[in-house]
N, C-alpha and C. Protein backbone atom coordinates (compact mmCIF):
# COMPACT_ATOMS: atom_id res chain seq x y z
N MET A 1 74.09 79.31 -23.74
CA MET A 1 72.76 78.88 -24.04
C MET A 1 72.79 77.60 -24.88
N ASP A 2 73.66 77.54 -25.81
CA ASP A 2 73.81 76.40 -26.69
C ASP A 2 74.18 75.15 -25.89
N LYS A 3 74.97 75.29 -24.87
CA LYS A 3 75.39 74.17 -24.03
C LYS A 3 74.21 73.63 -23.21
N ARG A 4 73.34 74.49 -22.75
CA ARG A 4 72.16 74.07 -21.99
C ARG A 4 71.22 73.24 -22.85
N ILE A 5 71.02 73.62 -24.07
CA ILE A 5 70.13 72.90 -24.98
C ILE A 5 70.67 71.50 -25.22
N LYS A 6 71.98 71.37 -25.40
CA LYS A 6 72.60 70.06 -25.60
C LYS A 6 72.39 69.18 -24.36
N ILE A 7 72.55 69.74 -23.17
CA ILE A 7 72.36 68.99 -21.92
C ILE A 7 70.90 68.54 -21.80
N ILE A 8 69.97 69.41 -22.13
CA ILE A 8 68.55 69.08 -22.05
C ILE A 8 68.22 67.97 -23.04
N ILE A 9 68.75 68.03 -24.23
CA ILE A 9 68.50 67.01 -25.24
C ILE A 9 69.07 65.66 -24.77
N VAL A 10 70.27 65.67 -24.21
CA VAL A 10 70.89 64.43 -23.71
C VAL A 10 70.05 63.84 -22.57
N VAL A 11 69.57 64.67 -21.66
CA VAL A 11 68.75 64.20 -20.55
C VAL A 11 67.44 63.61 -21.08
N ILE A 12 66.82 64.25 -22.06
CA ILE A 12 65.58 63.73 -22.64
C ILE A 12 65.82 62.38 -23.31
N VAL A 13 66.90 62.25 -24.06
CA VAL A 13 67.23 61.00 -24.72
C VAL A 13 67.46 59.90 -23.67
N ILE A 14 68.17 60.21 -22.62
CA ILE A 14 68.42 59.23 -21.55
C ILE A 14 67.11 58.80 -20.89
N LEU A 15 66.22 59.74 -20.62
CA LEU A 15 64.93 59.42 -20.02
C LEU A 15 64.09 58.54 -20.95
N ILE A 16 64.12 58.83 -22.25
CA ILE A 16 63.38 58.00 -23.21
C ILE A 16 63.94 56.59 -23.23
N LEU A 17 65.26 56.45 -23.23
CA LEU A 17 65.88 55.12 -23.22
C LEU A 17 65.54 54.36 -21.94
N LEU A 18 65.56 55.05 -20.81
CA LEU A 18 65.19 54.41 -19.54
C LEU A 18 63.74 53.94 -19.58
N ALA A 19 62.85 54.76 -20.11
CA ALA A 19 61.44 54.39 -20.20
C ALA A 19 61.25 53.18 -21.11
N LEU A 20 61.94 53.14 -22.24
CA LEU A 20 61.86 51.99 -23.13
C LEU A 20 62.38 50.72 -22.46
N ASN A 21 63.51 50.82 -21.77
CA ASN A 21 64.05 49.67 -21.04
C ASN A 21 63.09 49.17 -19.98
N LEU A 22 62.46 50.08 -19.28
CA LEU A 22 61.49 49.71 -18.24
C LEU A 22 60.29 48.99 -18.86
N MET A 23 59.81 49.48 -19.99
CA MET A 23 58.68 48.83 -20.66
C MET A 23 59.05 47.43 -21.13
N VAL A 24 60.24 47.26 -21.69
CA VAL A 24 60.69 45.94 -22.14
C VAL A 24 60.81 45.00 -20.94
N PHE A 25 61.37 45.50 -19.84
CA PHE A 25 61.52 44.68 -18.63
C PHE A 25 60.17 44.22 -18.10
N ILE A 26 59.22 45.13 -18.03
CA ILE A 26 57.88 44.79 -17.52
C ILE A 26 57.20 43.79 -18.44
N ASN A 27 57.27 43.98 -19.73
CA ASN A 27 56.63 43.05 -20.67
C ASN A 27 57.25 41.67 -20.60
N ASN A 28 58.54 41.56 -20.42
CA ASN A 28 59.20 40.26 -20.38
C ASN A 28 59.04 39.54 -19.06
N ASN A 29 58.97 40.25 -17.98
CA ASN A 29 58.95 39.61 -16.66
C ASN A 29 57.57 39.48 -16.04
N PHE A 30 56.61 40.20 -16.52
CA PHE A 30 55.29 40.13 -15.92
C PHE A 30 54.22 39.76 -16.94
N LYS A 31 54.63 39.16 -18.03
CA LYS A 31 53.70 38.74 -19.06
C LYS A 31 52.86 37.58 -18.53
N SER A 32 51.56 37.60 -18.78
CA SER A 32 50.67 36.52 -18.37
C SER A 32 50.74 35.41 -19.40
N ASP A 33 51.06 34.19 -18.91
CA ASP A 33 51.13 33.02 -19.79
C ASP A 33 50.30 31.92 -19.17
N ASP A 34 49.13 31.65 -19.76
CA ASP A 34 48.20 30.68 -19.19
C ASP A 34 48.50 29.25 -19.61
N SER A 35 49.61 29.03 -20.31
CA SER A 35 49.87 27.68 -20.81
C SER A 35 50.43 26.76 -19.73
N GLY A 36 51.05 27.28 -18.69
CA GLY A 36 51.65 26.43 -17.66
C GLY A 36 50.64 25.97 -16.63
N GLU A 37 50.87 24.77 -16.09
CA GLU A 37 49.97 24.20 -15.09
C GLU A 37 49.91 25.07 -13.84
N GLU A 38 51.06 25.65 -13.44
CA GLU A 38 51.08 26.47 -12.24
C GLU A 38 50.23 27.71 -12.42
N ASN A 39 50.29 28.33 -13.60
CA ASN A 39 49.46 29.50 -13.85
C ASN A 39 47.98 29.15 -13.81
N LYS A 40 47.63 27.98 -14.31
CA LYS A 40 46.23 27.55 -14.26
C LYS A 40 45.77 27.40 -12.82
N ILE A 41 46.64 26.85 -11.97
CA ILE A 41 46.28 26.68 -10.56
C ILE A 41 46.10 28.03 -9.90
N VAL A 42 47.03 28.97 -10.13
CA VAL A 42 46.93 30.31 -9.54
C VAL A 42 45.67 30.99 -10.05
N ASN A 43 45.41 30.91 -11.35
CA ASN A 43 44.21 31.54 -11.90
C ASN A 43 42.95 30.96 -11.28
N THR A 44 42.92 29.66 -11.07
CA THR A 44 41.75 29.02 -10.48
C THR A 44 41.56 29.50 -9.04
N ILE A 45 42.66 29.65 -8.31
CA ILE A 45 42.56 30.13 -6.93
C ILE A 45 42.01 31.55 -6.90
N VAL A 46 42.51 32.40 -7.78
CA VAL A 46 42.03 33.78 -7.84
C VAL A 46 40.56 33.80 -8.23
N GLU A 47 40.19 33.02 -9.24
CA GLU A 47 38.79 32.97 -9.67
C GLU A 47 37.89 32.45 -8.56
N HIS A 48 38.39 31.55 -7.73
CA HIS A 48 37.58 30.99 -6.65
C HIS A 48 37.13 32.08 -5.69
N ASN A 49 37.97 33.09 -5.50
CA ASN A 49 37.63 34.14 -4.55
C ASN A 49 36.48 35.02 -5.04
N ILE A 50 36.26 35.06 -6.35
CA ILE A 50 35.21 35.95 -6.87
C ILE A 50 34.10 35.20 -7.60
N ALA A 51 34.27 33.92 -7.77
CA ALA A 51 33.29 33.14 -8.53
C ALA A 51 32.29 32.47 -7.60
N THR A 52 31.16 32.09 -8.17
CA THR A 52 30.19 31.33 -7.41
C THR A 52 30.69 29.90 -7.28
N GLU A 53 30.08 29.13 -6.43
CA GLU A 53 30.48 27.72 -6.25
C GLU A 53 30.34 26.94 -7.55
N GLU A 54 29.25 27.19 -8.28
CA GLU A 54 29.03 26.47 -9.54
C GLU A 54 30.11 26.83 -10.56
N GLU A 55 30.45 28.10 -10.65
CA GLU A 55 31.51 28.53 -11.57
C GLU A 55 32.85 27.94 -11.16
N THR A 56 33.11 27.90 -9.86
CA THR A 56 34.36 27.35 -9.36
C THR A 56 34.44 25.86 -9.65
N GLU A 57 33.35 25.15 -9.45
CA GLU A 57 33.31 23.71 -9.72
C GLU A 57 33.61 23.44 -11.19
N GLN A 58 33.00 24.22 -12.07
CA GLN A 58 33.22 24.05 -13.50
C GLN A 58 34.66 24.39 -13.86
N SER A 59 35.19 25.45 -13.28
CA SER A 59 36.57 25.85 -13.55
C SER A 59 37.55 24.77 -13.08
N ARG A 60 37.29 24.21 -11.91
CA ARG A 60 38.17 23.14 -11.39
C ARG A 60 38.09 21.90 -12.29
N LYS A 61 36.90 21.57 -12.76
CA LYS A 61 36.76 20.42 -13.65
C LYS A 61 37.54 20.64 -14.95
N GLU A 62 37.47 21.85 -15.49
CA GLU A 62 38.22 22.16 -16.72
C GLU A 62 39.72 22.03 -16.46
N MET A 63 40.16 22.53 -15.32
CA MET A 63 41.57 22.44 -14.97
C MET A 63 41.98 20.98 -14.83
N LEU A 64 41.20 20.20 -14.11
CA LEU A 64 41.52 18.78 -13.90
C LEU A 64 41.49 18.00 -15.22
N ASN A 65 40.60 18.36 -16.10
CA ASN A 65 40.50 17.68 -17.39
C ASN A 65 41.78 17.86 -18.21
N GLY A 66 42.48 18.95 -18.00
CA GLY A 66 43.73 19.21 -18.70
C GLY A 66 44.93 18.50 -18.09
N TYR A 67 44.77 17.96 -16.91
CA TYR A 67 45.87 17.28 -16.23
C TYR A 67 46.05 15.86 -16.75
N THR A 68 47.26 15.36 -16.55
CA THR A 68 47.47 13.93 -16.79
C THR A 68 46.79 13.17 -15.65
N GLU A 69 46.62 11.88 -15.83
CA GLU A 69 45.98 11.06 -14.80
C GLU A 69 46.73 11.17 -13.47
N ALA A 70 48.04 11.05 -13.53
CA ALA A 70 48.86 11.09 -12.29
C ALA A 70 48.74 12.45 -11.60
N THR A 71 48.80 13.53 -12.36
CA THR A 71 48.71 14.87 -11.78
C THR A 71 47.34 15.09 -11.16
N ARG A 72 46.31 14.60 -11.82
CA ARG A 72 44.94 14.75 -11.31
C ARG A 72 44.79 14.04 -9.96
N ILE A 73 45.28 12.81 -9.86
CA ILE A 73 45.16 12.05 -8.62
C ILE A 73 45.99 12.71 -7.51
N LYS A 74 47.18 13.18 -7.85
CA LYS A 74 48.00 13.88 -6.87
C LYS A 74 47.32 15.16 -6.40
N SER A 75 46.58 15.82 -7.29
CA SER A 75 45.88 17.04 -6.87
C SER A 75 44.78 16.72 -5.87
N TYR A 76 44.14 15.56 -6.01
CA TYR A 76 43.13 15.15 -5.02
C TYR A 76 43.79 14.92 -3.66
N VAL A 77 44.91 14.21 -3.66
CA VAL A 77 45.63 13.97 -2.41
C VAL A 77 46.10 15.30 -1.83
N GLY A 78 46.58 16.17 -2.71
CA GLY A 78 47.02 17.50 -2.27
C GLY A 78 45.91 18.31 -1.65
N GLN A 79 44.71 18.19 -2.21
CA GLN A 79 43.56 18.90 -1.65
C GLN A 79 43.28 18.42 -0.23
N TYR A 80 43.30 17.10 -0.04
CA TYR A 80 43.07 16.53 1.29
C TYR A 80 44.15 17.03 2.26
N LEU A 81 45.42 16.93 1.86
CA LEU A 81 46.51 17.35 2.74
C LEU A 81 46.48 18.85 3.01
N SER A 82 46.03 19.61 2.04
CA SER A 82 45.89 21.06 2.23
C SER A 82 44.84 21.37 3.29
N TYR A 83 43.74 20.64 3.27
CA TYR A 83 42.71 20.82 4.30
C TYR A 83 43.28 20.49 5.68
N VAL A 84 44.01 19.39 5.77
CA VAL A 84 44.59 19.01 7.07
C VAL A 84 45.60 20.06 7.51
N ASP A 85 46.44 20.51 6.58
CA ASP A 85 47.48 21.49 6.91
C ASP A 85 46.88 22.80 7.41
N SER A 86 45.75 23.20 6.82
CA SER A 86 45.11 24.45 7.23
C SER A 86 44.12 24.26 8.38
N LYS A 87 44.10 23.06 8.94
CA LYS A 87 43.23 22.72 10.08
C LYS A 87 41.75 22.78 9.72
N ASP A 88 41.44 22.63 8.43
CA ASP A 88 40.05 22.55 7.98
C ASP A 88 39.67 21.07 7.99
N TYR A 89 39.58 20.52 9.20
CA TYR A 89 39.38 19.09 9.37
C TYR A 89 38.03 18.61 8.84
N GLU A 90 37.03 19.44 8.91
CA GLU A 90 35.71 19.03 8.43
C GLU A 90 35.75 18.77 6.92
N SER A 91 36.40 19.66 6.17
CA SER A 91 36.51 19.46 4.72
C SER A 91 37.32 18.22 4.40
N ALA A 92 38.40 17.99 5.15
CA ALA A 92 39.21 16.79 4.95
C ALA A 92 38.39 15.54 5.27
N TYR A 93 37.65 15.58 6.35
CA TYR A 93 36.81 14.46 6.77
C TYR A 93 35.75 14.14 5.72
N ASN A 94 35.20 15.17 5.10
CA ASN A 94 34.17 14.98 4.09
C ASN A 94 34.69 14.30 2.82
N LEU A 95 36.00 14.31 2.61
CA LEU A 95 36.58 13.64 1.45
C LEU A 95 36.77 12.14 1.67
N LEU A 96 36.62 11.69 2.92
CA LEU A 96 36.88 10.28 3.23
C LEU A 96 35.71 9.40 2.79
N TYR A 97 36.05 8.21 2.37
CA TYR A 97 35.10 7.18 1.95
C TYR A 97 34.23 6.82 3.15
N ASP A 98 32.91 6.70 2.96
CA ASP A 98 31.97 6.47 4.06
C ASP A 98 32.29 5.22 4.87
N GLU A 99 32.54 4.10 4.21
CA GLU A 99 32.85 2.86 4.94
C GLU A 99 34.14 3.01 5.74
N PHE A 100 35.11 3.74 5.20
CA PHE A 100 36.36 4.00 5.91
C PHE A 100 36.09 4.82 7.17
N LYS A 101 35.27 5.86 7.02
CA LYS A 101 34.92 6.68 8.18
C LYS A 101 34.21 5.84 9.24
N ASN A 102 33.27 5.00 8.82
CA ASN A 102 32.53 4.18 9.77
C ASN A 102 33.42 3.19 10.50
N THR A 103 34.49 2.76 9.86
CA THR A 103 35.41 1.81 10.49
C THR A 103 36.39 2.49 11.44
N TYR A 104 36.96 3.63 11.01
CA TYR A 104 38.04 4.23 11.78
C TYR A 104 37.69 5.54 12.50
N PHE A 105 36.82 6.34 11.92
CA PHE A 105 36.52 7.66 12.49
C PHE A 105 35.01 7.89 12.41
N LYS A 106 34.31 7.37 13.37
CA LYS A 106 32.85 7.47 13.35
C LYS A 106 32.38 8.92 13.49
N THR A 107 33.20 9.76 14.10
CA THR A 107 32.84 11.16 14.27
C THR A 107 33.97 12.06 13.78
N LEU A 108 33.62 13.28 13.51
CA LEU A 108 34.61 14.27 13.11
C LEU A 108 35.65 14.46 14.22
N GLU A 109 35.20 14.42 15.46
CA GLU A 109 36.11 14.62 16.59
C GLU A 109 37.19 13.53 16.64
N GLU A 110 36.81 12.30 16.32
CA GLU A 110 37.80 11.21 16.29
C GLU A 110 38.84 11.47 15.20
N PHE A 111 38.38 11.96 14.05
CA PHE A 111 39.30 12.27 12.97
C PHE A 111 40.23 13.43 13.35
N VAL A 112 39.67 14.45 13.98
CA VAL A 112 40.48 15.61 14.39
C VAL A 112 41.58 15.16 15.34
N THR A 113 41.24 14.32 16.30
CA THR A 113 42.24 13.81 17.25
C THR A 113 43.34 13.06 16.51
N TYR A 114 42.94 12.20 15.59
CA TYR A 114 43.92 11.44 14.81
C TYR A 114 44.83 12.39 14.01
N ALA A 115 44.22 13.33 13.29
CA ALA A 115 44.98 14.23 12.42
C ALA A 115 45.94 15.10 13.22
N GLU A 116 45.50 15.60 14.37
CA GLU A 116 46.38 16.45 15.18
C GLU A 116 47.56 15.67 15.74
N ASN A 117 47.36 14.38 16.00
CA ASN A 117 48.45 13.56 16.55
C ASN A 117 49.34 12.95 15.47
N LYS A 118 48.79 12.72 14.29
CA LYS A 118 49.52 12.00 13.24
C LYS A 118 50.29 12.92 12.30
N TYR A 119 49.64 13.98 11.83
CA TYR A 119 50.21 14.82 10.78
C TYR A 119 51.06 15.94 11.37
N PRO A 120 52.08 16.37 10.61
CA PRO A 120 52.91 17.50 11.07
C PRO A 120 52.12 18.81 11.03
N ASP A 121 52.62 19.80 11.76
CA ASP A 121 51.94 21.10 11.79
C ASP A 121 52.01 21.81 10.43
N GLU A 122 53.15 21.74 9.78
CA GLU A 122 53.34 22.34 8.46
C GLU A 122 53.70 21.22 7.51
N ILE A 123 52.75 20.79 6.70
CA ILE A 123 52.93 19.60 5.87
C ILE A 123 53.69 19.92 4.58
N PHE A 124 54.73 19.15 4.34
CA PHE A 124 55.39 19.10 3.05
C PHE A 124 55.25 17.67 2.55
N ALA A 125 54.64 17.50 1.39
CA ALA A 125 54.38 16.15 0.86
C ALA A 125 55.29 15.87 -0.32
N GLU A 126 55.89 14.70 -0.30
CA GLU A 126 56.68 14.21 -1.42
C GLU A 126 56.02 12.93 -1.92
N TYR A 127 55.57 12.97 -3.15
CA TYR A 127 54.91 11.81 -3.74
C TYR A 127 55.99 10.85 -4.22
N THR A 128 56.03 9.65 -3.62
CA THR A 128 57.11 8.72 -3.95
C THR A 128 56.68 7.57 -4.85
N ASN A 129 55.39 7.27 -4.90
CA ASN A 129 54.93 6.17 -5.73
C ASN A 129 53.44 6.30 -5.99
N MET A 130 53.02 5.76 -7.15
CA MET A 130 51.59 5.70 -7.44
C MET A 130 51.33 4.44 -8.24
N GLU A 131 50.30 3.72 -7.81
CA GLU A 131 49.90 2.51 -8.51
C GLU A 131 48.40 2.58 -8.77
N ARG A 132 48.01 1.98 -9.87
CA ARG A 132 46.58 1.92 -10.18
C ARG A 132 46.15 0.46 -10.13
N GLU A 133 45.08 0.23 -9.39
CA GLU A 133 44.50 -1.11 -9.31
C GLU A 133 43.02 -1.00 -9.64
N GLY A 134 42.69 -1.23 -10.90
CA GLY A 134 41.31 -1.08 -11.33
C GLY A 134 40.89 0.36 -11.30
N THR A 135 39.89 0.66 -10.49
CA THR A 135 39.37 2.03 -10.41
C THR A 135 39.93 2.82 -9.24
N ILE A 136 40.88 2.23 -8.52
CA ILE A 136 41.47 2.96 -7.39
C ILE A 136 42.95 3.20 -7.64
N TYR A 137 43.45 4.22 -6.97
CA TYR A 137 44.85 4.59 -7.07
C TYR A 137 45.43 4.57 -5.66
N ILE A 138 46.64 4.06 -5.55
CA ILE A 138 47.33 4.07 -4.26
C ILE A 138 48.53 4.98 -4.41
N VAL A 139 48.52 6.07 -3.66
CA VAL A 139 49.57 7.07 -3.73
C VAL A 139 50.37 7.02 -2.43
N THR A 140 51.67 6.83 -2.57
CA THR A 140 52.55 6.82 -1.40
C THR A 140 53.16 8.21 -1.26
N VAL A 141 52.98 8.79 -0.07
CA VAL A 141 53.54 10.12 0.20
C VAL A 141 54.40 10.09 1.45
N LYS A 142 55.50 10.82 1.38
CA LYS A 142 56.31 11.07 2.56
C LYS A 142 55.90 12.44 3.07
N LEU A 143 55.54 12.51 4.33
CA LEU A 143 55.10 13.77 4.93
C LEU A 143 56.16 14.26 5.89
N LYS A 144 56.55 15.51 5.71
CA LYS A 144 57.58 16.13 6.54
C LYS A 144 57.01 17.42 7.11
N ASP A 145 57.63 17.87 8.18
CA ASP A 145 57.27 19.17 8.75
C ASP A 145 58.34 20.16 8.31
N THR A 146 57.93 21.18 7.59
CA THR A 146 58.89 22.13 7.04
C THR A 146 59.53 23.01 8.12
N LEU A 147 58.87 23.16 9.25
CA LEU A 147 59.40 24.04 10.29
C LEU A 147 59.99 23.31 11.49
N ASN A 148 59.56 22.08 11.71
CA ASN A 148 60.01 21.32 12.88
C ASN A 148 60.94 20.20 12.43
N LYS A 149 62.23 20.41 12.57
CA LYS A 149 63.22 19.41 12.14
C LYS A 149 63.20 18.17 13.04
N ASP A 150 62.61 18.27 14.22
CA ASP A 150 62.54 17.13 15.14
C ASP A 150 61.43 16.15 14.74
N PHE A 151 60.53 16.57 13.88
CA PHE A 151 59.44 15.70 13.45
C PHE A 151 60.00 14.65 12.50
N ALA A 152 59.83 13.40 12.88
CA ALA A 152 60.29 12.31 12.01
C ALA A 152 59.31 12.20 10.85
N GLN A 153 59.83 12.17 9.63
CA GLN A 153 58.92 12.06 8.49
C GLN A 153 58.13 10.76 8.56
N ILE A 154 56.93 10.82 8.04
CA ILE A 154 56.10 9.62 7.99
C ILE A 154 55.79 9.31 6.53
N GLU A 155 55.54 8.06 6.27
CA GLU A 155 55.14 7.64 4.93
C GLU A 155 53.74 7.08 5.06
N GLN A 156 52.87 7.48 4.16
CA GLN A 156 51.49 7.05 4.24
C GLN A 156 50.99 6.70 2.83
N ASN A 157 50.26 5.59 2.76
CA ASN A 157 49.58 5.22 1.52
C ASN A 157 48.18 5.80 1.56
N ILE A 158 47.85 6.60 0.56
CA ILE A 158 46.53 7.20 0.46
C ILE A 158 45.84 6.60 -0.75
N VAL A 159 44.65 6.07 -0.52
CA VAL A 159 43.90 5.41 -1.58
C VAL A 159 42.84 6.38 -2.10
N VAL A 160 42.83 6.56 -3.42
CA VAL A 160 41.90 7.49 -4.07
C VAL A 160 41.00 6.70 -5.02
N LYS A 161 39.71 6.92 -4.90
CA LYS A 161 38.76 6.36 -5.86
C LYS A 161 38.10 7.54 -6.56
N GLU A 162 38.38 7.66 -7.86
CA GLU A 162 37.82 8.75 -8.64
C GLU A 162 36.56 8.27 -9.34
N ASN A 163 35.43 8.91 -9.03
CA ASN A 163 34.17 8.58 -9.68
C ASN A 163 34.01 9.35 -10.98
N ASP A 164 34.44 10.60 -10.96
CA ASP A 164 34.36 11.50 -12.11
C ASP A 164 35.32 12.65 -11.81
N LEU A 165 35.47 13.58 -12.74
CA LEU A 165 36.34 14.72 -12.47
C LEU A 165 35.87 15.46 -11.22
N ASN A 166 36.78 15.64 -10.30
CA ASN A 166 36.53 16.33 -9.04
C ASN A 166 35.45 15.65 -8.19
N ASP A 167 35.21 14.39 -8.43
CA ASP A 167 34.29 13.58 -7.64
C ASP A 167 35.07 12.34 -7.20
N PHE A 168 35.56 12.38 -5.98
CA PHE A 168 36.45 11.33 -5.50
C PHE A 168 36.29 11.14 -3.99
N VAL A 169 36.75 10.01 -3.52
CA VAL A 169 36.81 9.74 -2.08
C VAL A 169 38.20 9.18 -1.77
N LEU A 170 38.57 9.32 -0.50
CA LEU A 170 39.90 8.91 -0.06
C LEU A 170 39.80 7.98 1.14
N SER A 171 40.83 7.20 1.30
CA SER A 171 41.07 6.48 2.56
C SER A 171 42.58 6.35 2.68
N PHE A 172 43.03 5.86 3.80
CA PHE A 172 44.47 5.73 4.00
C PHE A 172 44.73 4.70 5.07
N GLU A 173 45.99 4.27 5.14
CA GLU A 173 46.32 3.30 6.17
C GLU A 173 46.38 4.03 7.52
N VAL A 174 45.70 3.48 8.48
CA VAL A 174 45.63 4.07 9.81
C VAL A 174 46.57 3.30 10.72
N GLU A 175 47.46 4.02 11.34
CA GLU A 175 48.42 3.38 12.27
C GLU A 175 48.18 3.86 13.67
């Protein structure tokens, strides 16, 4: 009987130690830290799914306000490329500067044709250069297809004019 009690006590101690280790592991590996830019982006995406448009707009402005100038402009280009990548051509088209649209893509259908022929199916963007000229920014991106190795990468200059936080228009060199 004495031997059984010792075994039970040892098993209980082992279980307690395992539970403590599990709690330490969970606290260290799944702790929420809102200080990083990536966490802010993920939080904004999650909030977008449950927030109203007005709340989402305000949340995005707060997020953009915390970015550096370069990161903010790259996020605008990223938003445009994300729309193209997800085949949300209407949203991408709506980001284009009106005079640019009137010159190159008078209709959404013209833009869709261009985008389907020009851009890769799965876009990977590498930002290689950024210049500021007055109130506009010129961002050079190399676009690659992550799944199609036969796709020759393209380089494109995308021009961003920021009017205010999250209020911008784009144009780009059309080839």
